[in-house]
Amino acid sequence: MASKKAYKAAAIIDIDWFKKVNDEYGHSAGDQTLKHFAKLLNHCCNINKFIIGRVGGEEFAIFCATTEVDDMVEALASLKKLLSNSPVVMDELEFKITFSAGYIVSHDDVVDVHDLLAFADQALYDAKKTGRDKIVEFLG
């Protein structure tokens, strides 16, 4: 019986126009937005496969070691769909947010976590530069 191929994946996610949320609705709304986003992100990422962390401001990082090449993109697509149907709600206030993400899936054992993050960050930059509210894969 052949063993399955192992993959490492990383993604960097940035909540689109987060500063605008703080400026228009206040920092409490910004805090609520981060909590809401983190809750949905946790829901979409199986804790047995993914490591999730907030890396600063409105940016999150995800790591995954798996035998399924599509795990990362499926988690990000699931997050996008869930977020589109789940606005941030705070008192009388309700608003929707979007995110941009860059990700990479690698089967190269030489690539370390720092390289994965750098490549995912480059893909995130492309997502933001080309209009935001999208998921972009780093193709190298």
N, C-alpha and C. Protein backbone atom coordinates (compact mmCIF):
# COMPACT_ATOMS: atom_id res chain seq x y z
N MET A 1 0.84 -1.17 0.00
CA MET A 1 0.00 0.00 0.00
C MET A 1 0.89 1.25 0.00
N ALA A 2 0.70 2.11 -0.97
CA ALA A 2 1.51 3.32 -1.09
C ALA A 2 1.07 4.37 -0.09
N SER A 3 2.05 5.06 0.46
CA SER A 3 1.70 6.14 1.38
C SER A 3 1.31 7.39 0.59
N LYS A 4 0.47 8.20 1.20
CA LYS A 4 0.03 9.44 0.55
C LYS A 4 1.14 10.47 0.60
N LYS A 5 1.13 11.34 -0.39
CA LYS A 5 2.10 12.42 -0.46
C LYS A 5 1.81 13.44 0.64
N ALA A 6 2.84 14.00 1.24
CA ALA A 6 2.68 15.00 2.29
C ALA A 6 2.85 16.40 1.71
N TYR A 7 2.01 17.31 2.15
CA TYR A 7 2.05 18.70 1.71
C TYR A 7 2.16 19.61 2.92
N LYS A 8 2.81 20.74 2.72
CA LYS A 8 2.82 21.82 3.70
C LYS A 8 2.17 23.02 3.02
N ALA A 9 1.34 23.72 3.75
CA ALA A 9 0.68 24.88 3.17
C ALA A 9 0.68 26.02 4.18
N ALA A 10 0.66 27.24 3.65
CA ALA A 10 0.57 28.43 4.49
C ALA A 10 -0.29 29.46 3.78
N ALA A 11 -0.97 30.25 4.56
CA ALA A 11 -1.77 31.36 4.03
C ALA A 11 -1.61 32.56 4.94
N ILE A 12 -1.65 33.72 4.32
CA ILE A 12 -1.73 34.99 5.06
C ILE A 12 -3.05 35.62 4.63
N ILE A 13 -3.84 36.02 5.62
CA ILE A 13 -5.16 36.59 5.37
C ILE A 13 -5.18 38.00 5.96
N ASP A 14 -5.76 38.92 5.21
CA ASP A 14 -5.88 40.31 5.65
C ASP A 14 -7.34 40.73 5.50
N ILE A 15 -7.94 41.23 6.57
CA ILE A 15 -9.31 41.74 6.48
C ILE A 15 -9.27 43.03 5.66
N ASP A 16 -10.07 43.05 4.58
CA ASP A 16 -10.07 44.21 3.68
C ASP A 16 -10.62 45.45 4.37
N TRP A 17 -9.93 46.55 4.16
CA TRP A 17 -10.36 47.88 4.61
C TRP A 17 -10.67 47.92 6.11
N PHE A 18 -9.88 47.22 6.90
CA PHE A 18 -10.12 47.17 8.35
C PHE A 18 -10.02 48.55 9.00
N LYS A 19 -9.09 49.37 8.56
CA LYS A 19 -8.95 50.72 9.12
C LYS A 19 -10.25 51.51 8.96
N LYS A 20 -10.94 51.29 7.85
CA LYS A 20 -12.22 51.96 7.61
C LYS A 20 -13.27 51.56 8.65
N VAL A 21 -13.25 50.31 9.08
CA VAL A 21 -14.17 49.84 10.13
C VAL A 21 -13.90 50.64 11.41
N ASN A 22 -12.63 50.72 11.81
CA ASN A 22 -12.28 51.49 13.02
C ASN A 22 -12.64 52.96 12.87
N ASP A 23 -12.36 53.55 11.71
CA ASP A 23 -12.62 54.97 11.50
C ASP A 23 -14.12 55.29 11.46
N GLU A 24 -14.91 54.43 10.83
CA GLU A 24 -16.34 54.71 10.68
C GLU A 24 -17.18 54.30 11.88
N TYR A 25 -16.82 53.17 12.49
CA TYR A 25 -17.67 52.61 13.54
C TYR A 25 -17.03 52.61 14.93
N GLY A 26 -15.74 52.90 15.00
CA GLY A 26 -15.06 52.94 16.29
C GLY A 26 -14.26 51.67 16.56
N HIS A 27 -13.37 51.78 17.55
CA HIS A 27 -12.48 50.66 17.85
C HIS A 27 -13.21 49.47 18.47
N SER A 28 -14.32 49.69 19.12
CA SER A 28 -15.11 48.56 19.63
C SER A 28 -15.62 47.70 18.48
N ALA A 29 -16.04 48.35 17.41
CA ALA A 29 -16.49 47.62 16.22
C ALA A 29 -15.31 46.88 15.59
N GLY A 30 -14.14 47.50 15.60
CA GLY A 30 -12.95 46.83 15.09
C GLY A 30 -12.63 45.59 15.90
N ASP A 31 -12.72 45.70 17.23
CA ASP A 31 -12.48 44.54 18.09
C ASP A 31 -13.50 43.44 17.83
N GLN A 32 -14.77 43.83 17.68
CA GLN A 32 -15.83 42.86 17.40
C GLN A 32 -15.60 42.19 16.05
N THR A 33 -15.11 42.95 15.08
CA THR A 33 -14.82 42.42 13.75
C THR A 33 -13.73 41.35 13.83
N LEU A 34 -12.67 41.64 14.58
CA LEU A 34 -11.59 40.66 14.74
C LEU A 34 -12.09 39.39 15.42
N LYS A 35 -12.91 39.52 16.44
CA LYS A 35 -13.45 38.35 17.14
C LYS A 35 -14.35 37.54 16.22
N HIS A 36 -15.20 38.22 15.48
CA HIS A 36 -16.12 37.56 14.54
C HIS A 36 -15.33 36.80 13.49
N PHE A 37 -14.34 37.46 12.91
CA PHE A 37 -13.52 36.84 11.87
C PHE A 37 -12.78 35.62 12.42
N ALA A 38 -12.18 35.77 13.58
CA ALA A 38 -11.42 34.67 14.19
C ALA A 38 -12.33 33.47 14.48
N LYS A 39 -13.54 33.73 14.92
CA LYS A 39 -14.49 32.65 15.20
C LYS A 39 -14.81 31.89 13.92
N LEU A 40 -15.07 32.60 12.84
CA LEU A 40 -15.38 31.94 11.57
C LEU A 40 -14.16 31.20 11.02
N LEU A 41 -12.99 31.80 11.17
CA LEU A 41 -11.75 31.16 10.72
C LEU A 41 -11.53 29.85 11.47
N ASN A 42 -11.73 29.87 12.77
CA ASN A 42 -11.60 28.64 13.56
C ASN A 42 -12.60 27.58 13.11
N HIS A 43 -13.80 28.02 12.77
CA HIS A 43 -14.84 27.10 12.32
C HIS A 43 -14.45 26.41 11.01
N CYS A 44 -13.80 27.14 10.13
CA CYS A 44 -13.46 26.62 8.80
C CYS A 44 -12.19 25.77 8.77
N CYS A 45 -11.40 25.87 9.79
CA CYS A 45 -10.12 25.14 9.82
C CYS A 45 -10.17 24.05 10.88
N ASN A 46 -10.12 22.81 10.44
CA ASN A 46 -10.09 21.67 11.33
C ASN A 46 -8.86 21.78 12.23
N ILE A 47 -9.08 21.85 13.52
CA ILE A 47 -7.95 22.08 14.43
C ILE A 47 -6.91 20.96 14.42
N ASN A 48 -7.27 19.81 13.89
CA ASN A 48 -6.30 18.72 13.80
C ASN A 48 -5.32 18.90 12.65
N LYS A 49 -5.66 19.74 11.69
CA LYS A 49 -4.80 19.93 10.52
C LYS A 49 -4.17 21.31 10.48
N PHE A 50 -4.80 22.31 11.06
CA PHE A 50 -4.40 23.70 10.87
C PHE A 50 -3.89 24.32 12.16
N ILE A 51 -2.94 25.20 12.01
CA ILE A 51 -2.49 26.08 13.09
C ILE A 51 -2.83 27.49 12.64
N ILE A 52 -3.54 28.22 13.47
CA ILE A 52 -4.01 29.56 13.12
C ILE A 52 -3.44 30.54 14.12
N GLY A 53 -3.03 31.72 13.63
CA GLY A 53 -2.55 32.75 14.53
C GLY A 53 -2.78 34.13 13.95
N ARG A 54 -2.96 35.06 14.84
CA ARG A 54 -3.04 36.47 14.43
C ARG A 54 -1.60 36.99 14.42
N VAL A 55 -1.18 37.54 13.29
CA VAL A 55 0.21 37.96 13.16
C VAL A 55 0.37 39.46 13.26
N GLY A 56 -0.71 40.18 13.42
CA GLY A 56 -0.62 41.62 13.61
C GLY A 56 -1.84 42.31 13.03
N GLY A 57 -2.28 43.34 13.72
CA GLY A 57 -3.41 44.12 13.21
C GLY A 57 -4.56 43.25 12.78
N GLU A 58 -4.85 43.30 11.49
CA GLU A 58 -5.95 42.53 10.92
C GLU A 58 -5.46 41.38 10.06
N GLU A 59 -4.23 40.93 10.31
CA GLU A 59 -3.65 39.83 9.54
C GLU A 59 -3.59 38.55 10.37
N PHE A 60 -3.90 37.45 9.69
CA PHE A 60 -3.87 36.13 10.30
C PHE A 60 -3.01 35.22 9.42
N ALA A 61 -2.39 34.23 10.05
CA ALA A 61 -1.62 33.23 9.32
C ALA A 61 -2.21 31.86 9.61
N ILE A 62 -2.16 31.00 8.60
CA ILE A 62 -2.63 29.62 8.75
C ILE A 62 -1.53 28.71 8.23
N PHE A 63 -1.26 27.64 8.96
CA PHE A 63 -0.34 26.60 8.52
C PHE A 63 -1.07 25.28 8.51
N CYS A 64 -0.64 24.41 7.60
CA CYS A 64 -1.31 23.12 7.48
C CYS A 64 -0.30 22.10 6.98
N ALA A 65 -0.27 20.95 7.61
CA ALA A 65 0.47 19.79 7.11
C ALA A 65 -0.56 18.71 6.84
N THR A 66 -0.61 18.24 5.61
CA THR A 66 -1.71 17.36 5.23
C THR A 66 -1.30 16.44 4.09
N THR A 67 -2.13 15.46 3.83
CA THR A 67 -1.95 14.61 2.65
C THR A 67 -2.93 14.99 1.55
N GLU A 68 -3.75 15.99 1.79
CA GLU A 68 -4.74 16.45 0.81
C GLU A 68 -4.29 17.80 0.25
N VAL A 69 -3.96 17.87 -1.01
CA VAL A 69 -3.42 19.07 -1.62
C VAL A 69 -4.40 20.25 -1.57
N ASP A 70 -5.70 19.98 -1.52
CA ASP A 70 -6.69 21.05 -1.57
C ASP A 70 -7.18 21.54 -0.21
N ASP A 71 -6.65 21.02 0.88
CA ASP A 71 -7.15 21.41 2.20
C ASP A 71 -7.12 22.92 2.44
N MET A 72 -6.03 23.57 2.08
CA MET A 72 -5.91 25.01 2.35
C MET A 72 -6.91 25.81 1.52
N VAL A 73 -6.96 25.56 0.23
CA VAL A 73 -7.87 26.34 -0.62
C VAL A 73 -9.32 26.06 -0.25
N GLU A 74 -9.64 24.84 0.14
CA GLU A 74 -11.01 24.54 0.57
C GLU A 74 -11.36 25.27 1.86
N ALA A 75 -10.43 25.36 2.78
CA ALA A 75 -10.67 26.10 4.03
C ALA A 75 -10.88 27.57 3.75
N LEU A 76 -10.06 28.15 2.86
CA LEU A 76 -10.20 29.57 2.53
C LEU A 76 -11.50 29.85 1.78
N ALA A 77 -11.87 28.97 0.86
CA ALA A 77 -13.13 29.14 0.13
C ALA A 77 -14.32 29.01 1.07
N SER A 78 -14.23 28.10 2.01
CA SER A 78 -15.29 27.93 3.00
C SER A 78 -15.42 29.19 3.87
N LEU A 79 -14.29 29.75 4.26
CA LEU A 79 -14.30 31.00 5.04
C LEU A 79 -14.95 32.13 4.25
N LYS A 80 -14.60 32.25 2.98
CA LYS A 80 -15.16 33.31 2.14
C LYS A 80 -16.68 33.18 2.05
N LYS A 81 -17.15 31.96 1.83
CA LYS A 81 -18.60 31.72 1.72
C LYS A 81 -19.30 32.01 3.06
N LEU A 82 -18.75 31.51 4.13
CA LEU A 82 -19.34 31.72 5.45
C LEU A 82 -19.37 33.20 5.81
N LEU A 83 -18.30 33.90 5.53
CA LEU A 83 -18.21 35.32 5.85
C LEU A 83 -19.22 36.14 5.04
N SER A 84 -19.45 35.76 3.79
CA SER A 84 -20.40 36.51 2.95
C SER A 84 -21.83 36.40 3.47
N ASN A 85 -22.10 35.34 4.25
CA ASN A 85 -23.44 35.14 4.80
C ASN A 85 -23.53 35.45 6.29
N SER A 86 -22.48 36.05 6.84
CA SER A 86 -22.43 36.27 8.28
C SER A 86 -21.86 37.66 8.58
N PRO A 87 -22.72 38.67 8.63
CA PRO A 87 -22.22 40.02 8.91
C PRO A 87 -21.76 40.16 10.36
N VAL A 88 -20.95 41.17 10.59
CA VAL A 88 -20.56 41.54 11.94
C VAL A 88 -21.76 42.25 12.55
N VAL A 89 -22.15 41.85 13.75
CA VAL A 89 -23.30 42.45 14.43
C VAL A 89 -22.83 42.97 15.78
N MET A 90 -23.16 44.25 16.03
CA MET A 90 -22.79 44.88 17.30
C MET A 90 -23.86 45.89 17.64
N ASP A 91 -24.60 45.63 18.71
CA ASP A 91 -25.72 46.49 19.10
C ASP A 91 -26.66 46.68 17.91
N GLU A 92 -26.88 47.91 17.49
CA GLU A 92 -27.76 48.21 16.36
C GLU A 92 -27.01 48.18 15.03
N LEU A 93 -25.72 47.95 15.08
CA LEU A 93 -24.87 48.03 13.92
C LEU A 93 -24.70 46.64 13.28
N GLU A 94 -24.78 46.60 11.94
CA GLU A 94 -24.54 45.37 11.20
C GLU A 94 -23.84 45.72 9.89
N PHE A 95 -22.72 45.05 9.61
CA PHE A 95 -22.01 45.32 8.37
C PHE A 95 -21.24 44.07 7.95
N LYS A 96 -20.96 43.99 6.65
CA LYS A 96 -20.22 42.86 6.10
C LYS A 96 -18.77 43.24 5.89
N ILE A 97 -17.92 42.24 5.98
CA ILE A 97 -16.50 42.43 5.70
C ILE A 97 -16.07 41.39 4.67
N THR A 98 -14.93 41.64 4.06
CA THR A 98 -14.33 40.69 3.14
C THR A 98 -12.86 40.53 3.54
N PHE A 99 -12.19 39.61 2.88
CA PHE A 99 -10.77 39.44 3.14
C PHE A 99 -10.04 39.13 1.84
N SER A 100 -8.76 39.37 1.88
CA SER A 100 -7.85 38.97 0.82
C SER A 100 -6.90 37.95 1.42
N ALA A 101 -6.52 36.96 0.62
CA ALA A 101 -5.62 35.92 1.12
C ALA A 101 -4.63 35.52 0.04
N GLY A 102 -3.45 35.21 0.49
CA GLY A 102 -2.44 34.59 -0.36
C GLY A 102 -2.04 33.28 0.28
N TYR A 103 -1.83 32.25 -0.55
CA TYR A 103 -1.46 30.96 0.02
C TYR A 103 -0.51 30.22 -0.91
N ILE A 104 0.14 29.23 -0.33
CA ILE A 104 1.03 28.34 -1.08
C ILE A 104 0.85 26.93 -0.54
N VAL A 105 0.92 25.97 -1.43
CA VAL A 105 0.94 24.56 -1.07
C VAL A 105 2.23 23.98 -1.64
N SER A 106 3.02 23.34 -0.79
CA SER A 106 4.32 22.83 -1.21
C SER A 106 4.49 21.37 -0.80
N HIS A 107 5.12 20.61 -1.64
CA HIS A 107 5.50 19.24 -1.28
C HIS A 107 7.01 19.12 -1.14
N ASP A 108 7.67 20.24 -1.20
CA ASP A 108 9.13 20.28 -1.09
C ASP A 108 9.53 20.27 0.39
N ASP A 109 10.22 19.22 0.79
CA ASP A 109 10.64 19.11 2.20
C ASP A 109 11.66 20.17 2.60
N VAL A 110 12.32 20.78 1.62
CA VAL A 110 13.34 21.78 1.90
C VAL A 110 12.73 23.12 2.31
N VAL A 111 11.55 23.42 1.81
CA VAL A 111 10.91 24.70 2.09
C VAL A 111 10.52 24.76 3.57
N ASP A 112 11.01 25.80 4.27
CA ASP A 112 10.67 25.92 5.69
C ASP A 112 9.51 26.90 5.88
N VAL A 113 9.09 27.01 7.12
CA VAL A 113 7.91 27.81 7.44
C VAL A 113 8.12 29.28 7.08
N HIS A 114 9.33 29.78 7.22
CA HIS A 114 9.60 31.18 6.89
C HIS A 114 9.44 31.43 5.40
N ASP A 115 9.92 30.48 4.59
CA ASP A 115 9.75 30.60 3.15
C ASP A 115 8.26 30.52 2.77
N LEU A 116 7.54 29.59 3.38
CA LEU A 116 6.11 29.47 3.09
C LEU A 116 5.39 30.78 3.39
N LEU A 117 5.71 31.38 4.53
CA LEU A 117 5.09 32.66 4.89
C LEU A 117 5.44 33.76 3.89
N ALA A 118 6.69 33.80 3.48
CA ALA A 118 7.11 34.83 2.52
C ALA A 118 6.38 34.66 1.19
N PHE A 119 6.25 33.42 0.72
CA PHE A 119 5.54 33.18 -0.53
C PHE A 119 4.05 33.50 -0.41
N ALA A 120 3.43 33.11 0.71
CA ALA A 120 2.02 33.43 0.94
C ALA A 120 1.82 34.94 1.01
N ASP A 121 2.77 35.64 1.61
CA ASP A 121 2.68 37.10 1.71
C ASP A 121 2.78 37.75 0.33
N GLN A 122 3.62 37.21 -0.55
CA GLN A 122 3.70 37.72 -1.92
C GLN A 122 2.37 37.54 -2.64
N ALA A 123 1.74 36.39 -2.45
CA ALA A 123 0.43 36.14 -3.07
C ALA A 123 -0.63 37.06 -2.49
N LEU A 124 -0.57 37.33 -1.18
CA LEU A 124 -1.50 38.28 -0.56
C LEU A 124 -1.34 39.65 -1.18
N TYR A 125 -0.10 40.07 -1.37
CA TYR A 125 0.16 41.36 -2.01
C TYR A 125 -0.49 41.42 -3.39
N ASP A 126 -0.39 40.35 -4.16
CA ASP A 126 -1.03 40.30 -5.47
C ASP A 126 -2.55 40.39 -5.36
N ALA A 127 -3.12 39.73 -4.37
CA ALA A 127 -4.57 39.79 -4.16
C ALA A 127 -5.03 41.21 -3.86
N LYS A 128 -4.27 41.90 -3.02
CA LYS A 128 -4.64 43.28 -2.65
C LYS A 128 -4.41 44.24 -3.81
N LYS A 129 -3.32 44.02 -4.55
CA LYS A 129 -2.97 44.89 -5.67
C LYS A 129 -3.98 44.77 -6.82
N THR A 130 -4.62 43.62 -6.94
CA THR A 130 -5.53 43.38 -8.06
C THR A 130 -7.01 43.47 -7.68
N GLY A 131 -7.31 44.12 -6.57
CA GLY A 131 -8.70 44.40 -6.27
C GLY A 131 -9.26 43.92 -4.95
N ARG A 132 -8.51 43.18 -4.19
CA ARG A 132 -8.95 42.67 -2.88
C ARG A 132 -10.13 41.70 -2.99
N ASP A 133 -10.59 41.23 -1.85
CA ASP A 133 -11.71 40.28 -1.76
C ASP A 133 -11.45 39.06 -2.65
N LYS A 134 -10.23 38.53 -2.59
CA LYS A 134 -9.91 37.34 -3.39
C LYS A 134 -8.85 36.50 -2.72
N ILE A 135 -8.75 35.28 -3.21
CA ILE A 135 -7.78 34.31 -2.72
C ILE A 135 -6.82 34.02 -3.88
N VAL A 136 -5.52 34.23 -3.64
CA VAL A 136 -4.52 34.07 -4.69
C VAL A 136 -3.48 33.04 -4.27
N GLU A 137 -3.19 32.09 -5.15
CA GLU A 137 -2.17 31.09 -4.88
C GLU A 137 -0.81 31.57 -5.39
N PHE A 138 0.22 31.34 -4.60
CA PHE A 138 1.58 31.63 -5.04
C PHE A 138 2.02 30.49 -5.95
N LEU A 139 2.39 30.84 -7.15
CA LEU A 139 2.78 29.82 -8.13
C LEU A 139 4.27 29.83 -8.43
N GLY A 140 4.99 30.78 -7.85
CA GLY A 140 6.43 30.83 -7.94
C GLY A 140 6.92 31.15 -9.28
